[in-house]
Amino acid sequence: KISHLSAFGLIWDTIRNLLGPINGQVLLFLRPPKKRHQVLHV
């Protein structure tokens, strides 16, 4: 619940690192070819 506006964001306690995995995502981007290589960024 908010009463006035500015900047808002979610935060964790630093203990978060000890609590196991988070939901992540893997994104793939194919770059334009250079010479004889095709480059895939992960």
PDB file of all heavy atoms in Angstrom:
ATOM      1  N   LYS A   1       0.861  -1.191   0.000  1.00  0.00           N
ATOM      2  CA  LYS A   1       0.000   0.000   0.000  1.00  0.00           C
ATOM      3  C   LYS A   1       0.898   1.242   0.000  1.00  0.00           C
ATOM      4  O   LYS A   1       1.900   1.297   0.698  1.00  0.00           O
ATOM      5  CB  LYS A   1      -0.882   0.000   1.239  1.00  0.00           C
ATOM      6  CG  LYS A   1      -1.851   1.171   1.306  1.00  0.00           C
ATOM      7  CD  LYS A   1      -2.715   1.067   2.560  1.00  0.00           C
ATOM      8  CE  LYS A   1      -3.674   2.250   2.646  1.00  0.00           C
ATOM      9  NZ  LYS A   1      -4.524   2.171   3.871  1.00  0.00           N
ATOM     10  N   ILE A   2       0.513   2.239  -0.799  1.00  0.00           N
ATOM     11  CA  ILE A   2       1.329   3.451  -0.884  1.00  0.00           C
ATOM     12  C   ILE A   2       0.462   4.686  -0.668  1.00  0.00           C
ATOM     13  O   ILE A   2      -0.743   4.674  -0.936  1.00  0.00           O
ATOM     14  CB  ILE A   2       2.062   3.551  -2.235  1.00  0.00           C
ATOM     15  CG1 ILE A   2       1.056   3.663  -3.386  1.00  0.00           C
ATOM     16  CG2 ILE A   2       2.969   2.359  -2.456  1.00  0.00           C
ATOM     17  CD1 ILE A   2       1.715   3.934  -4.714  1.00  0.00           C
ATOM     18  N   SER A   3       1.091   5.753  -0.176  1.00  0.00           N
ATOM     19  CA  SER A   3       0.369   7.003   0.074  1.00  0.00           C
ATOM     20  C   SER A   3       0.855   8.132  -0.823  1.00  0.00           C
ATOM     21  O   SER A   3       0.102   9.056  -1.126  1.00  0.00           O
ATOM     22  CB  SER A   3       0.528   7.416   1.541  1.00  0.00           C
ATOM     23  OG  SER A   3       1.904   7.538   1.872  1.00  0.00           O
ATOM     24  N   HIS A   4       2.110   8.097  -1.243  1.00  0.00           N
ATOM     25  CA  HIS A   4       2.611   9.100  -2.174  1.00  0.00           C
ATOM     26  C   HIS A   4       3.679   8.472  -3.062  1.00  0.00           C
ATOM     27  O   HIS A   4       4.200   7.399  -2.768  1.00  0.00           O
ATOM     28  CB  HIS A   4       3.173  10.323  -1.431  1.00  0.00           C
ATOM     29  CG  HIS A   4       4.301  10.011  -0.513  1.00  0.00           C
ATOM     30  ND1 HIS A   4       4.115   9.451   0.736  1.00  0.00           N
ATOM     31  CD2 HIS A   4       5.641  10.176  -0.646  1.00  0.00           C
ATOM     32  CE1 HIS A   4       5.278   9.291   1.329  1.00  0.00           C
ATOM     33  NE2 HIS A   4       6.222   9.726   0.504  1.00  0.00           N
ATOM     34  N   LEU A   5       3.994   9.137  -4.163  1.00  0.00           N
ATOM     35  CA  LEU A   5       4.796   8.529  -5.210  1.00  0.00           C
ATOM     36  C   LEU A   5       6.251   8.985  -5.194  1.00  0.00           C
ATOM     37  O   LEU A   5       6.558  10.079  -4.766  1.00  0.00           O
ATOM     38  CB  LEU A   5       4.186   8.842  -6.584  1.00  0.00           C
ATOM     39  CG  LEU A   5       2.779   8.280  -6.821  1.00  0.00           C
ATOM     40  CD1 LEU A   5       2.242   8.736  -8.157  1.00  0.00           C
ATOM     41  CD2 LEU A   5       2.803   6.772  -6.745  1.00  0.00           C
ATOM     42  N   SER A   6       7.095   8.091  -5.638  1.00  0.00           N
ATOM     43  CA  SER A   6       8.501   8.371  -5.941  1.00  0.00           C
ATOM     44  C   SER A   6       9.045   7.089  -6.562  1.00  0.00           C
ATOM     45  O   SER A   6       8.498   6.622  -7.555  1.00  0.00           O
ATOM     46  CB  SER A   6       9.275   8.803  -4.699  1.00  0.00           C
ATOM     47  OG  SER A   6       9.211   7.808  -3.700  1.00  0.00           O
ATOM     48  N   ALA A   7      10.103   6.524  -5.982  1.00  0.00           N
ATOM     49  CA  ALA A   7      10.680   5.293  -6.532  1.00  0.00           C
ATOM     50  C   ALA A   7      10.400   4.115  -5.604  1.00  0.00           C
ATOM     51  O   ALA A   7      10.545   4.219  -4.380  1.00  0.00           O
ATOM     52  CB  ALA A   7      12.189   5.460  -6.728  1.00  0.00           C
ATOM     53  N   PHE A   8       9.985   2.993  -6.196  1.00  0.00           N
ATOM     54  CA  PHE A   8       9.666   1.791  -5.431  1.00  0.00           C
ATOM     55  C   PHE A   8      10.338   0.593  -6.080  1.00  0.00           C
ATOM     56  O   PHE A   8      10.410   0.482  -7.310  1.00  0.00           O
ATOM     57  CB  PHE A   8       8.150   1.536  -5.401  1.00  0.00           C
ATOM     58  CG  PHE A   8       7.361   2.595  -4.693  1.00  0.00           C
ATOM     59  CD1 PHE A   8       6.903   3.707  -5.382  1.00  0.00           C
ATOM     60  CD2 PHE A   8       7.054   2.480  -3.346  1.00  0.00           C
ATOM     61  CE1 PHE A   8       6.170   4.689  -4.742  1.00  0.00           C
ATOM     62  CE2 PHE A   8       6.326   3.452  -2.694  1.00  0.00           C
ATOM     63  CZ  PHE A   8       5.883   4.562  -3.394  1.00  0.00           C
ATOM     64  N   GLY A   9      10.821  -0.324  -5.234  1.00  0.00           N
ATOM     65  CA  GLY A   9      11.426  -1.551  -5.755  1.00  0.00           C
ATOM     66  C   GLY A   9      11.493  -2.629  -4.693  1.00  0.00           C
ATOM     67  O   GLY A   9      11.563  -2.338  -3.494  1.00  0.00           O
ATOM     68  N   LEU A  10      11.461  -3.871  -5.139  1.00  0.00           N
ATOM     69  CA  LEU A  10      11.553  -5.005  -4.218  1.00  0.00           C
ATOM     70  C   LEU A  10      12.977  -5.165  -3.693  1.00  0.00           C
ATOM     71  O   LEU A  10      13.946  -4.971  -4.435  1.00  0.00           O
ATOM     72  CB  LEU A  10      11.157  -6.295  -4.938  1.00  0.00           C
ATOM     73  CG  LEU A  10       9.665  -6.587  -5.101  1.00  0.00           C
ATOM     74  CD1 LEU A  10       9.486  -7.894  -5.862  1.00  0.00           C
ATOM     75  CD2 LEU A  10       8.972  -6.659  -3.759  1.00  0.00           C
ATOM     76  N   ILE A  11      13.097  -5.554  -2.423  1.00  0.00           N
ATOM     77  CA  ILE A  11      14.412  -5.818  -1.837  1.00  0.00           C
ATOM     78  C   ILE A  11      14.353  -7.106  -1.014  1.00  0.00           C
ATOM     79  O   ILE A  11      13.301  -7.528  -0.539  1.00  0.00           O
ATOM     80  CB  ILE A  11      14.894  -4.653  -0.933  1.00  0.00           C
ATOM     81  CG1 ILE A  11      13.813  -4.292   0.103  1.00  0.00           C
ATOM     82  CG2 ILE A  11      15.270  -3.446  -1.764  1.00  0.00           C
ATOM     83  CD1 ILE A  11      14.262  -3.217   1.096  1.00  0.00           C
ATOM     84  N   TRP A  12      15.521  -7.745  -0.898  1.00  0.00           N
ATOM     85  CA  TRP A  12      15.700  -8.921  -0.056  1.00  0.00           C
ATOM     86  C   TRP A  12      16.587  -8.564   1.133  1.00  0.00           C
ATOM     87  O   TRP A  12      17.450  -7.686   1.045  1.00  0.00           O
ATOM     88  CB  TRP A  12      16.441 -10.022  -0.803  1.00  0.00           C
ATOM     89  CG  TRP A  12      15.666 -10.837  -1.773  1.00  0.00           C
ATOM     90  CD1 TRP A  12      14.531 -11.546  -1.549  1.00  0.00           C
ATOM     91  CD2 TRP A  12      16.013 -11.080  -3.145  1.00  0.00           C
ATOM     92  NE1 TRP A  12      14.148 -12.204  -2.686  1.00  0.00           N
ATOM     93  CE2 TRP A  12      15.033 -11.940  -3.673  1.00  0.00           C
ATOM     94  CE3 TRP A  12      17.059 -10.660  -3.962  1.00  0.00           C
ATOM     95  CZ2 TRP A  12      15.072 -12.383  -4.995  1.00  0.00           C
ATOM     96  CZ3 TRP A  12      17.099 -11.098  -5.267  1.00  0.00           C
ATOM     97  CH2 TRP A  12      16.117 -11.955  -5.772  1.00  0.00           C
ATOM     98  N   ASP A  13      16.424  -9.282   2.228  1.00  0.00           N
ATOM     99  CA  ASP A  13      17.459  -9.304   3.251  1.00  0.00           C
ATOM    100  C   ASP A  13      18.665 -10.034   2.681  1.00  0.00           C
ATOM    101  O   ASP A  13      18.515 -10.940   1.849  1.00  0.00           O
ATOM    102  CB  ASP A  13      16.972 -10.041   4.506  1.00  0.00           C
ATOM    103  CG  ASP A  13      16.061  -9.163   5.352  1.00  0.00           C
ATOM    104  OD1 ASP A  13      16.163  -7.946   5.241  1.00  0.00           O
ATOM    105  OD2 ASP A  13      15.234  -9.715   6.100  1.00  0.00           O
ATOM    106  N   THR A  14      19.862  -9.703   3.097  1.00  0.00           N
ATOM    107  CA  THR A  14      21.058 -10.365   2.564  1.00  0.00           C
ATOM    108  C   THR A  14      21.077 -11.851   2.897  1.00  0.00           C
ATOM    109  O   THR A  14      21.816 -12.621   2.271  1.00  0.00           O
ATOM    110  CB  THR A  14      22.328  -9.705   3.126  1.00  0.00           C
ATOM    111  OG1 THR A  14      22.210  -9.592   4.553  1.00  0.00           O
ATOM    112  CG2 THR A  14      22.512  -8.314   2.541  1.00  0.00           C
ATOM    113  N   ILE A  15      20.252 -12.282   3.839  1.00  0.00           N
ATOM    114  CA  ILE A  15      20.151 -13.704   4.163  1.00  0.00           C
ATOM    115  C   ILE A  15      19.632 -14.500   2.974  1.00  0.00           C
ATOM    116  O   ILE A  15      19.738 -15.721   2.931  1.00  0.00           O
ATOM    117  CB  ILE A  15      19.227 -13.905   5.393  1.00  0.00           C
ATOM    118  CG1 ILE A  15      19.383 -15.306   5.956  1.00  0.00           C
ATOM    119  CG2 ILE A  15      17.770 -13.626   5.022  1.00  0.00           C
ATOM    120  CD1 ILE A  15      18.573 -15.556   7.213  1.00  0.00           C
ATOM    121  N   ARG A  16      19.094 -13.788   1.965  1.00  0.00           N
ATOM    122  CA  ARG A  16      18.518 -14.444   0.791  1.00  0.00           C
ATOM    123  C   ARG A  16      19.503 -15.401   0.132  1.00  0.00           C
ATOM    124  O   ARG A  16      19.111 -16.463  -0.371  1.00  0.00           O
ATOM    125  CB  ARG A  16      18.099 -13.371  -0.240  1.00  0.00           C
ATOM    126  CG  ARG A  16      17.546 -13.937  -1.540  1.00  0.00           C
ATOM    127  CD  ARG A  16      16.236 -14.639  -1.215  1.00  0.00           C
ATOM    128  NE  ARG A  16      15.731 -15.457  -2.285  1.00  0.00           N
ATOM    129  CZ  ARG A  16      16.148 -16.654  -2.629  1.00  0.00           C
ATOM    130  NH1 ARG A  16      17.188 -17.190  -2.043  1.00  0.00           N
ATOM    131  NH2 ARG A  16      15.541 -17.344  -3.563  1.00  0.00           N
ATOM    132  N   ASN A  17      20.782 -15.081   0.155  1.00  0.00           N
ATOM    133  CA  ASN A  17      21.782 -15.923  -0.498  1.00  0.00           C
ATOM    134  C   ASN A  17      21.859 -17.319   0.104  1.00  0.00           C
ATOM    135  O   ASN A  17      22.372 -18.242  -0.526  1.00  0.00           O
ATOM    136  CB  ASN A  17      23.164 -15.271  -0.417  1.00  0.00           C
ATOM    137  CG  ASN A  17      23.304 -14.101  -1.373  1.00  0.00           C
ATOM    138  OD1 ASN A  17      22.511 -13.947  -2.282  1.00  0.00           O
ATOM    139  ND2 ASN A  17      24.318 -13.284  -1.154  1.00  0.00           N
ATOM    140  N   LEU A  18      21.368 -17.472   1.331  1.00  0.00           N
ATOM    141  CA  LEU A  18      21.480 -18.755   2.017  1.00  0.00           C
ATOM    142  C   LEU A  18      20.240 -19.618   1.843  1.00  0.00           C
ATOM    143  O   LEU A  18      20.195 -20.742   2.349  1.00  0.00           O
ATOM    144  CB  LEU A  18      21.705 -18.518   3.523  1.00  0.00           C
ATOM    145  CG  LEU A  18      22.893 -17.605   3.883  1.00  0.00           C
ATOM    146  CD1 LEU A  18      22.922 -17.379   5.397  1.00  0.00           C
ATOM    147  CD2 LEU A  18      24.200 -18.215   3.402  1.00  0.00           C
ATOM    148  N   LEU A  19      19.247 -19.127   1.116  1.00  0.00           N
ATOM    149  CA  LEU A  19      17.954 -19.814   1.077  1.00  0.00           C
ATOM    150  C   LEU A  19      17.708 -20.621  -0.190  1.00  0.00           C
ATOM    151  O   LEU A  19      16.573 -20.988  -0.468  1.00  0.00           O
ATOM    152  CB  LEU A  19      16.830 -18.781   1.241  1.00  0.00           C
ATOM    153  CG  LEU A  19      16.803 -18.064   2.592  1.00  0.00           C
ATOM    154  CD1 LEU A  19      15.688 -17.041   2.609  1.00  0.00           C
ATOM    155  CD2 LEU A  19      16.626 -19.070   3.720  1.00  0.00           C
ATOM    156  N   GLY A  20      18.756 -20.930  -0.937  1.00  0.00           N
ATOM    157  CA  GLY A  20      18.555 -21.771  -2.106  1.00  0.00           C
ATOM    158  C   GLY A  20      18.225 -20.987  -3.353  1.00  0.00           C
ATOM    159  O   GLY A  20      18.400 -19.770  -3.417  1.00  0.00           O
ATOM    160  N   PRO A  21      17.723 -21.677  -4.385  1.00  0.00           N
ATOM    161  CA  PRO A  21      17.588 -21.068  -5.710  1.00  0.00           C
ATOM    162  C   PRO A  21      16.435 -20.082  -5.819  1.00  0.00           C
ATOM    163  O   PRO A  21      15.512 -20.063  -5.005  1.00  0.00           O
ATOM    164  CB  PRO A  21      17.343 -22.280  -6.627  1.00  0.00           C
ATOM    165  CG  PRO A  21      16.676 -23.278  -5.735  1.00  0.00           C
ATOM    166  CD  PRO A  21      17.303 -23.089  -4.382  1.00  0.00           C
ATOM    167  N   ILE A  22      16.535 -19.265  -6.861  1.00  0.00           N
ATOM    168  CA  ILE A  22      15.444 -18.385  -7.269  1.00  0.00           C
ATOM    169  C   ILE A  22      14.952 -18.842  -8.637  1.00  0.00           C
ATOM    170  O   ILE A  22      15.582 -19.655  -9.313  1.00  0.00           O
ATOM    171  CB  ILE A  22      15.901 -16.919  -7.354  1.00  0.00           C
ATOM    172  CG1 ILE A  22      17.032 -16.784  -8.388  1.00  0.00           C
ATOM    173  CG2 ILE A  22      16.315 -16.369  -6.019  1.00  0.00           C
ATOM    174  CD1 ILE A  22      17.121 -15.434  -9.026  1.00  0.00           C
ATOM    175  N   ASN A  23      13.825 -18.314  -9.067  1.00  0.00           N
ATOM    176  CA  ASN A  23      13.338 -18.549 -10.422  1.00  0.00           C
ATOM    177  C   ASN A  23      14.154 -17.687 -11.383  1.00  0.00           C
ATOM    178  O   ASN A  23      14.156 -16.464 -11.262  1.00  0.00           O
ATOM    179  CB  ASN A  23      11.854 -18.195 -10.533  1.00  0.00           C
ATOM    180  CG  ASN A  23      10.987 -19.129  -9.721  1.00  0.00           C
ATOM    181  OD1 ASN A  23      11.062 -20.346  -9.867  1.00  0.00           O
ATOM    182  ND2 ASN A  23      10.162 -18.570  -8.838  1.00  0.00           N
ATOM    183  N   GLY A  24      14.831 -18.328 -12.306  1.00  0.00           N
ATOM    184  CA  GLY A  24      15.654 -17.609 -13.272  1.00  0.00           C
ATOM    185  C   GLY A  24      15.154 -17.807 -14.690  1.00  0.00           C
ATOM    186  O   GLY A  24      14.159 -18.489 -14.934  1.00  0.00           O
ATOM    187  N   GLN A  25      15.862 -17.207 -15.636  1.00  0.00           N
ATOM    188  CA  GLN A  25      15.535 -17.377 -17.048  1.00  0.00           C
ATOM    189  C   GLN A  25      16.818 -17.332 -17.869  1.00  0.00           C
ATOM    190  O   GLN A  25      17.780 -16.651 -17.512  1.00  0.00           O
ATOM    191  CB  GLN A  25      14.549 -16.301 -17.528  1.00  0.00           C
ATOM    192  CG  GLN A  25      15.039 -14.874 -17.389  1.00  0.00           C
ATOM    193  CD  GLN A  25      14.027 -13.845 -17.880  1.00  0.00           C
ATOM    194  OE1 GLN A  25      13.235 -14.113 -18.777  1.00  0.00           O
ATOM    195  NE2 GLN A  25      14.053 -12.670 -17.274  1.00  0.00           N
ATOM    196  N   VAL A  26      16.822 -18.077 -18.965  1.00  0.00           N
ATOM    197  CA  VAL A  26      17.941 -18.094 -19.908  1.00  0.00           C
ATOM    198  C   VAL A  26      17.448 -17.485 -21.213  1.00  0.00           C
ATOM    199  O   VAL A  26      16.484 -17.970 -21.807  1.00  0.00           O
ATOM    200  CB  VAL A  26      18.460 -19.522 -20.147  1.00  0.00           C
ATOM    201  CG1 VAL A  26      19.623 -19.509 -21.139  1.00  0.00           C
ATOM    202  CG2 VAL A  26      18.889 -20.165 -18.837  1.00  0.00           C
ATOM    203  N   LEU A  27      18.098 -16.421 -21.659  1.00  0.00           N
ATOM    204  CA  LEU A  27      17.718 -15.735 -22.895  1.00  0.00           C
ATOM    205  C   LEU A  27      18.824 -15.918 -23.929  1.00  0.00           C
ATOM    206  O   LEU A  27      20.007 -15.819 -23.601  1.00  0.00           O
ATOM    207  CB  LEU A  27      17.482 -14.237 -22.650  1.00  0.00           C
ATOM    208  CG  LEU A  27      16.436 -13.877 -21.590  1.00  0.00           C
ATOM    209  CD1 LEU A  27      16.284 -12.357 -21.517  1.00  0.00           C
ATOM    210  CD2 LEU A  27      15.092 -14.523 -21.888  1.00  0.00           C
ATOM    211  N   LEU A  28      18.432 -16.152 -25.181  1.00  0.00           N
ATOM    212  CA  LEU A  28      19.376 -16.399 -26.264  1.00  0.00           C
ATOM    213  C   LEU A  28      19.217 -15.338 -27.346  1.00  0.00           C
ATOM    214  O   LEU A  28      18.095 -15.040 -27.780  1.00  0.00           O
ATOM    215  CB  LEU A  28      19.140 -17.773 -26.884  1.00  0.00           C
ATOM    216  CG  LEU A  28      19.174 -18.979 -25.936  1.00  0.00           C
ATOM    217  CD1 LEU A  28      18.874 -20.254 -26.711  1.00  0.00           C
ATOM    218  CD2 LEU A  28      20.523 -19.081 -25.237  1.00  0.00           C
ATOM    219  N   PHE A  29      20.350 -14.783 -27.797  1.00  0.00           N
ATOM    220  CA  PHE A  29      20.348 -13.797 -28.880  1.00  0.00           C
ATOM    221  C   PHE A  29      21.417 -14.181 -29.898  1.00  0.00           C
ATOM    222  O   PHE A  29      22.588 -14.366 -29.546  1.00  0.00           O
ATOM    223  CB  PHE A  29      20.632 -12.390 -28.339  1.00  0.00           C
ATOM    224  CG  PHE A  29      19.495 -11.813 -27.546  1.00  0.00           C
ATOM    225  CD1 PHE A  29      19.386 -12.061 -26.191  1.00  0.00           C
ATOM    226  CD2 PHE A  29      18.533 -11.030 -28.162  1.00  0.00           C
ATOM    227  CE1 PHE A  29      18.337 -11.535 -25.450  1.00  0.00           C
ATOM    228  CE2 PHE A  29      17.481 -10.495 -27.436  1.00  0.00           C
ATOM    229  CZ  PHE A  29      17.377 -10.750 -26.075  1.00  0.00           C
ATOM    230  N   LEU A  30      21.013 -14.296 -31.156  1.00  0.00           N
ATOM    231  CA  LEU A  30      21.919 -14.645 -32.243  1.00  0.00           C
ATOM    232  C   LEU A  30      22.419 -13.367 -32.893  1.00  0.00           C
ATOM    233  O   LEU A  30      21.630 -12.536 -33.361  1.00  0.00           O
ATOM    234  CB  LEU A  30      21.188 -15.513 -33.268  1.00  0.00           C
ATOM    235  CG  LEU A  30      22.037 -16.139 -34.367  1.00  0.00           C
ATOM    236  CD1 LEU A  30      23.000 -17.171 -33.773  1.00  0.00           C
ATOM    237  CD2 LEU A  30      21.149 -16.790 -35.428  1.00  0.00           C
ATOM    238  N   ARG A  31      23.745 -13.199 -32.906  1.00  0.00           N
ATOM    239  CA  ARG A  31      24.337 -12.008 -33.480  1.00  0.00           C
ATOM    240  C   ARG A  31      24.529 -12.189 -34.986  1.00  0.00           C
ATOM    241  O   ARG A  31      24.634 -13.316 -35.477  1.00  0.00           O
ATOM    242  CB  ARG A  31      25.705 -11.726 -32.851  1.00  0.00           C
ATOM    243  CG  ARG A  31      25.711 -11.602 -31.341  1.00  0.00           C
ATOM    244  CD  ARG A  31      24.901 -10.434 -30.852  1.00  0.00           C
ATOM    245  NE  ARG A  31      25.261  -9.171 -31.497  1.00  0.00           N
ATOM    246  CZ  ARG A  31      24.672  -8.020 -31.212  1.00  0.00           C
ATOM    247  NH1 ARG A  31      23.695  -7.959 -30.325  1.00  0.00           N
ATOM    248  NH2 ARG A  31      25.053  -6.926 -31.825  1.00  0.00           N
ATOM    249  N   PRO A  32      24.603 -11.081 -35.753  1.00  0.00           N
ATOM    250  CA  PRO A  32      24.903 -11.190 -37.182  1.00  0.00           C
ATOM    251  C   PRO A  32      26.246 -11.890 -37.382  1.00  0.00           C
ATOM    252  O   PRO A  32      27.167 -11.713 -36.585  1.00  0.00           O
ATOM    253  CB  PRO A  32      24.969  -9.728 -37.638  1.00  0.00           C
ATOM    254  CG  PRO A  32      24.143  -8.977 -36.645  1.00  0.00           C
ATOM    255  CD  PRO A  32      24.348  -9.688 -35.341  1.00  0.00           C
ATOM    256  N   PRO A  33      26.375 -12.714 -38.441  1.00  0.00           N
ATOM    257  CA  PRO A  33      27.611 -13.484 -38.658  1.00  0.00           C
ATOM    258  C   PRO A  33      28.804 -12.588 -38.931  1.00  0.00           C
ATOM    259  O   PRO A  33      28.678 -11.533 -39.550  1.00  0.00           O
ATOM    260  CB  PRO A  33      27.275 -14.354 -39.877  1.00  0.00           C
ATOM    261  CG  PRO A  33      26.148 -13.646 -40.555  1.00  0.00           C
ATOM    262  CD  PRO A  33      25.363 -12.968 -39.482  1.00  0.00           C
ATOM    263  N   LYS A  34      29.976 -13.023 -38.438  1.00  0.00           N
ATOM    264  CA  LYS A  34      31.237 -12.340 -38.706  1.00  0.00           C
ATOM    265  C   LYS A  34      32.217 -13.367 -39.254  1.00  0.00           C
ATOM    266  O   LYS A  34      32.514 -14.351 -38.592  1.00  0.00           O
ATOM    267  CB  LYS A  34      31.807 -11.702 -37.435  1.00  0.00           C
ATOM    268  CG  LYS A  34      30.992 -10.530 -36.916  1.00  0.00           C
ATOM    269  CD  LYS A  34      31.670  -9.875 -35.727  1.00  0.00           C
ATOM    270  CE  LYS A  34      30.907  -8.649 -35.251  1.00  0.00           C
ATOM    271  NZ  LYS A  34      31.554  -7.993 -34.096  1.00  0.00           N
ATOM    272  N   LYS A  35      32.691 -13.109 -40.476  1.00  0.00           N
ATOM    273  CA  LYS A  35      33.599 -14.024 -41.158  1.00  0.00           C
ATOM    274  C   LYS A  35      32.957 -15.409 -41.188  1.00  0.00           C
ATOM    275  O   LYS A  35      31.889 -15.590 -41.724  1.00  0.00           O
ATOM    276  CB  LYS A  35      34.974 -14.025 -40.489  1.00  0.00           C
ATOM    277  CG  LYS A  35      35.686 -12.681 -40.589  1.00  0.00           C
ATOM    278  CD  LYS A  35      37.072 -12.734 -39.983  1.00  0.00           C
ATOM    279  CE  LYS A  35      37.768 -11.391 -40.102  1.00  0.00           C
ATOM    280  NZ  LYS A  35      39.103 -11.376 -39.514  1.00  0.00           N
ATOM    281  N   ARG A  36      33.594 -16.397 -40.572  1.00  0.00           N
ATOM    282  CA  ARG A  36      33.068 -17.764 -40.637  1.00  0.00           C
ATOM    283  C   ARG A  36      32.442 -18.197 -39.320  1.00  0.00           C
ATOM    284  O   ARG A  36      32.223 -19.387 -39.082  1.00  0.00           O
ATOM    285  CB  ARG A  36      34.185 -18.737 -41.038  1.00  0.00           C
ATOM    286  CG  ARG A  36      34.785 -18.442 -42.396  1.00  0.00           C
ATOM    287  CD  ARG A  36      35.860 -19.443 -42.750  1.00  0.00           C
ATOM    288  NE  ARG A  36      35.314 -20.772 -42.955  1.00  0.00           N
ATOM    289  CZ  ARG A  36      34.840 -21.201 -44.114  1.00  0.00           C
ATOM    290  NH1 ARG A  36      34.832 -20.398 -45.151  1.00  0.00           N
ATOM    291  NH2 ARG A  36      34.385 -22.420 -44.243  1.00  0.00           N
ATOM    292  N   HIS A  37      32.160 -17.243 -38.439  1.00  0.00           N
ATOM    293  CA  HIS A  37      31.587 -17.574 -37.140  1.00  0.00           C
ATOM    294  C   HIS A  37      30.186 -16.991 -36.998  1.00  0.00           C
ATOM    295  O   HIS A  37      29.917 -15.882 -37.434  1.00  0.00           O
ATOM    296  CB  HIS A  37      32.468 -17.041 -35.989  1.00  0.00           C
ATOM    297  CG  HIS A  37      33.784 -17.727 -35.879  1.00  0.00           C
ATOM    298  ND1 HIS A  37      34.957 -17.141 -36.293  1.00  0.00           N
ATOM    299  CD2 HIS A  37      34.113 -18.944 -35.408  1.00  0.00           C
ATOM    300  CE1 HIS A  37      35.963 -17.973 -36.066  1.00  0.00           C
ATOM    301  NE2 HIS A  37      35.471 -19.068 -35.542  1.00  0.00           N
ATOM    302  N   GLN A  38      29.323 -17.768 -36.389  1.00  0.00           N
ATOM    303  CA  GLN A  38      28.040 -17.259 -35.928  1.00  0.00           C
ATOM    304  C   GLN A  38      28.150 -17.160 -34.411  1.00  0.00           C
ATOM    305  O   GLN A  38      28.692 -18.062 -33.760  1.00  0.00           O
ATOM    306  CB  GLN A  38      26.907 -18.218 -36.309  1.00  0.00           C
ATOM    307  CG  GLN A  38      25.515 -17.668 -36.075  1.00  0.00           C
ATOM    308  CD  GLN A  38      25.066 -16.740 -37.191  1.00  0.00           C
ATOM    309  OE1 GLN A  38      25.066 -17.099 -38.334  1.00  0.00           O
ATOM    310  NE2 GLN A  38      24.690 -15.534 -36.831  1.00  0.00           N
ATOM    311  N   VAL A  39      27.697 -16.059 -33.826  1.00  0.00           N
ATOM    312  CA  VAL A  39      27.856 -15.832 -32.384  1.00  0.00           C
ATOM    313  C   VAL A  39      26.500 -15.880 -31.706  1.00  0.00           C
ATOM    314  O   VAL A  39      25.551 -15.203 -32.120  1.00  0.00           O
ATOM    315  CB  VAL A  39      28.536 -14.474 -32.110  1.00  0.00           C
ATOM    316  CG1 VAL A  39      28.639 -14.223 -30.608  1.00  0.00           C
ATOM    317  CG2 VAL A  39      29.924 -14.436 -32.736  1.00  0.00           C
ATOM    318  N   LEU A  40      26.417 -16.683 -30.661  1.00  0.00           N
ATOM    319  CA  LEU A  40      25.208 -16.798 -29.848  1.00  0.00           C
ATOM    320  C   LEU A  40      25.508 -16.275 -28.453  1.00  0.00           C
ATOM    321  O   LEU A  40      26.455 -16.740 -27.810  1.00  0.00           O
ATOM    322  CB  LEU A  40      24.755 -18.261 -29.777  1.00  0.00           C
ATOM    323  CG  LEU A  40      23.480 -18.553 -28.975  1.00  0.00           C
ATOM    324  CD1 LEU A  40      22.255 -17.984 -29.685  1.00  0.00           C
ATOM    325  CD2 LEU A  40      23.316 -20.050 -28.759  1.00  0.00           C
ATOM    326  N   HIS A  41      24.738 -15.283 -27.999  1.00  0.00           N
ATOM    327  CA  HIS A  41      24.899 -14.756 -26.644  1.00  0.00           C
ATOM    328  C   HIS A  41      23.873 -15.405 -25.715  1.00  0.00           C
ATOM    329  O   HIS A  41      22.696 -15.496 -26.051  1.00  0.00           O
ATOM    330  CB  HIS A  41      24.719 -13.234 -26.646  1.00  0.00           C
ATOM    331  CG  HIS A  41      25.919 -12.493 -27.137  1.00  0.00           C
ATOM    332  ND1 HIS A  41      25.905 -11.152 -27.463  1.00  0.00           N
ATOM    333  CD2 HIS A  41      27.191 -12.900 -27.346  1.00  0.00           C
ATOM    334  CE1 HIS A  41      27.107 -10.780 -27.854  1.00  0.00           C
ATOM    335  NE2 HIS A  41      27.894 -11.826 -27.789  1.00  0.00           N
ATOM    336  N   VAL A  42      24.363 -15.831 -24.546  1.00  0.00           N
ATOM    337  CA  VAL A  42      23.525 -16.502 -23.551  1.00  0.00           C
ATOM    338  C   VAL A  42      23.466 -15.627 -22.297  1.00  0.00           C
ATOM    339  O   VAL A  42      24.509 -15.296 -21.721  1.00  0.00           O
ATOM    340  CB  VAL A  42      24.076 -17.898 -23.203  1.00  0.00           C
ATOM    341  CG1 VAL A  42      23.173 -18.593 -22.183  1.00  0.00           C
ATOM    342  CG2 VAL A  42      24.224 -18.749 -24.463  1.00  0.00           C
TER     343      VAL A  42
END
